[in-house]
Structures are given as C-alpha cells and as structure tokens.
Amino acid sequence: MERMGEHINEQLADELAGRVTHAVRESLREEFTASMRAQRRRAILYAGAGAAALYAGAAVALAIGLVLALGMPDWGAALVVAVVLGIAAYVLRGAARPGRPPAPDAPPMPTAPPTPGA
C-alpha cells in the first residue's frame, strides 16, 4: 500500500511540475511578446521623427538659399548652402566617430646611458 501512495505522489508531483512549467512558459512568452511590440512601436516613432526632422532641415536649407538668392545669383546661393551643409556633415561625422584612446604615459628616456657605480 505504501508503494501505491508513493506512486500517486510522484504522479501528482509530475503533473504539478508540468502545470507550473507550462504557466511560467506562457507568462514569459506573453511578457516577451509585449516587450517586442513596445520596442517595435518605439522604433517606428523614432523613424517618423527622423523623417520629419529631415524634411524640416531641407525646408530650412531652402529658406536660407532663398534669402541668400536675394543678394546674389541663384547658383551662388545654392553653392553657399551646399558648402555649409557639407561642412556640417563633416563635423558631425567626425564627432560621431570614436576617438583614439590616449597613448599611455611612458617615463622619459634617459639622454645618456647610466654610469656604473652611480
């Protein structure tokens, strides 16, 4: 009779472990899916903000070119705006690149070999 009780306890323990494992797995799956939706939404919003900023920048560049065109030829105003934007792109690219790590400080080299007995 005692063996029968052990067998029933093992079956109950196995069934309980299976249910707990299934519940944890489902909970983790739901949490992961919700997290991925939030990340996808955030990425879409950042992309939209970037596109809007790009168009805003183009509108500002056009406005600056039109103002400059009041006092100089149209092609000259377009060239000035293009050069300014090119310089800005170069500076921003340089700022985005990681700099070289500073060289470690080394002790100064002696100018003459050491003298024996000194």
Protein backbone atom coordinates (compact mmCIF):
# COMPACT_ATOMS: atom_id res chain seq x y z
CA MET A 1 0.00 0.00 0.00
CA GLU A 2 2.88 2.29 0.77
CA ARG A 3 4.25 1.87 -2.78
CA MET A 4 0.91 2.85 -4.21
CA GLY A 5 0.95 6.09 -2.19
CA GLU A 6 4.46 6.89 -3.40
CA HIS A 7 3.40 6.25 -7.00
CA ILE A 8 0.40 8.59 -6.63
CA ASN A 9 2.59 11.25 -5.01
CA GLU A 10 5.06 11.02 -7.90
CA GLN A 11 2.27 11.37 -10.45
CA LEU A 12 0.85 14.39 -8.62
CA ALA A 13 4.30 15.97 -8.34
CA ASP A 14 4.95 15.39 -12.05
CA GLU A 15 1.57 16.83 -13.02
CA LEU A 16 2.07 19.83 -10.75
CA ALA A 17 5.57 20.45 -12.13
CA GLY A 18 4.20 20.24 -15.67
CA ARG A 19 1.46 22.75 -14.92
CA VAL A 20 3.89 25.16 -13.24
CA THR A 21 6.34 24.84 -16.13
CA HIS A 22 3.57 25.48 -18.65
CA ALA A 23 2.29 28.51 -16.71
CA VAL A 24 5.78 30.02 -16.41
CA ARG A 25 6.48 29.39 -20.09
CA GLU A 26 3.24 31.06 -21.16
CA SER A 27 3.83 34.01 -18.85
CA LEU A 28 7.33 34.55 -20.21
CA ARG A 29 6.09 34.26 -23.81
CA GLU A 30 3.40 36.90 -23.20
CA GLU A 31 5.89 39.22 -21.49
CA PHE A 32 8.39 38.84 -24.33
CA THR A 33 5.73 39.49 -26.98
CA ALA A 34 4.55 42.64 -25.18
CA SER A 35 8.15 43.85 -24.86
CA MET A 36 8.80 43.29 -28.57
CA ARG A 37 5.64 45.23 -29.51
CA ALA A 38 6.77 48.16 -27.38
CA GLN A 39 10.24 48.14 -28.95
CA ARG A 40 8.79 47.95 -32.47
CA ARG A 41 6.44 50.87 -31.73
CA ARG A 42 9.31 52.92 -30.31
CA ALA A 43 11.45 52.22 -33.40
CA ILE A 44 8.63 53.29 -35.72
CA LEU A 45 8.16 56.52 -33.78
CA TYR A 46 11.89 57.27 -33.93
CA ALA A 47 11.90 56.64 -37.69
CA GLY A 48 8.95 59.00 -38.14
CA ALA A 49 10.67 61.66 -36.05
CA GLY A 50 13.83 61.28 -38.14
CA ALA A 51 11.92 61.65 -41.40
CA ALA A 52 10.13 64.76 -40.11
CA ALA A 53 13.45 66.24 -38.96
CA LEU A 54 14.98 65.55 -42.37
CA TYR A 55 12.17 67.41 -44.15
CA ALA A 56 12.37 70.26 -41.64
CA GLY A 57 16.10 70.57 -42.27
CA ALA A 58 15.52 70.62 -46.01
CA ALA A 59 12.94 73.38 -45.60
CA VAL A 60 15.37 75.44 -43.52
CA ALA A 61 18.13 74.95 -46.10
CA LEU A 62 15.74 76.04 -48.85
CA ALA A 63 14.73 79.13 -46.89
CA ILE A 64 18.36 80.09 -46.30
CA GLY A 65 19.08 79.61 -50.01
CA LEU A 66 16.13 81.81 -50.98
CA VAL A 67 17.27 84.57 -48.61
CA LEU A 68 20.81 84.42 -49.99
CA ALA A 69 19.42 84.48 -53.54
CA LEU A 70 18.06 87.97 -52.87
CA GLY A 71 21.59 89.36 -52.87
CA MET A 72 23.49 87.03 -55.20
CA PRO A 73 22.89 84.77 -58.20
CA ASP A 74 20.72 81.73 -57.54
CA TRP A 75 23.51 79.29 -58.30
CA GLY A 76 25.80 81.10 -55.85
CA ALA A 77 23.23 80.89 -53.07
CA ALA A 78 22.75 77.18 -53.73
CA LEU A 79 26.52 76.66 -53.68
CA VAL A 80 26.91 78.50 -50.36
CA VAL A 81 24.14 76.42 -48.75
CA ALA A 82 25.66 73.20 -50.13
CA VAL A 83 29.12 74.07 -48.77
CA VAL A 84 27.73 74.94 -45.32
CA LEU A 85 25.76 71.68 -45.20
CA GLY A 86 28.82 69.72 -46.35
CA ILE A 87 30.96 71.24 -43.60
CA ALA A 88 28.26 70.48 -41.03
CA ALA A 89 28.10 66.86 -42.22
CA TYR A 90 31.88 66.51 -42.00
CA VAL A 91 31.98 67.93 -38.47
CA LEU A 92 29.10 65.71 -37.31
CA ARG A 93 30.71 62.63 -38.83
CA GLY A 94 33.93 63.41 -37.01
CA ALA A 95 32.05 63.87 -33.75
CA ALA A 96 30.29 60.52 -34.21
CA ARG A 97 33.50 58.54 -34.70
CA PRO A 98 35.08 57.27 -31.52
CA GLY A 99 38.42 58.90 -30.89
CA ARG A 100 41.64 57.03 -30.49
CA PRO A 101 42.40 56.16 -26.91
CA PRO A 102 45.18 58.30 -25.47
CA ALA A 103 48.62 56.74 -25.51
CA PRO A 104 49.79 55.57 -22.10
CA ASP A 105 52.22 57.88 -20.39
CA ALA A 106 55.72 56.42 -20.63
CA PRO A 107 58.59 57.53 -18.44
CA PRO A 108 61.05 59.79 -20.24
CA MET A 109 64.01 58.12 -21.89
CA PRO A 110 67.41 58.96 -20.40
CA THR A 111 69.66 61.03 -22.61
CA ALA A 112 72.85 59.21 -21.59
CA PRO A 113 73.45 55.63 -20.55
CA PRO A 114 73.70 55.07 -16.81
CA THR A 115 77.22 55.12 -15.41
CA PRO A 116 78.38 52.17 -13.38
CA GLY A 117 78.61 52.81 -9.67
CA ALA A 118 76.28 55.76 -9.70
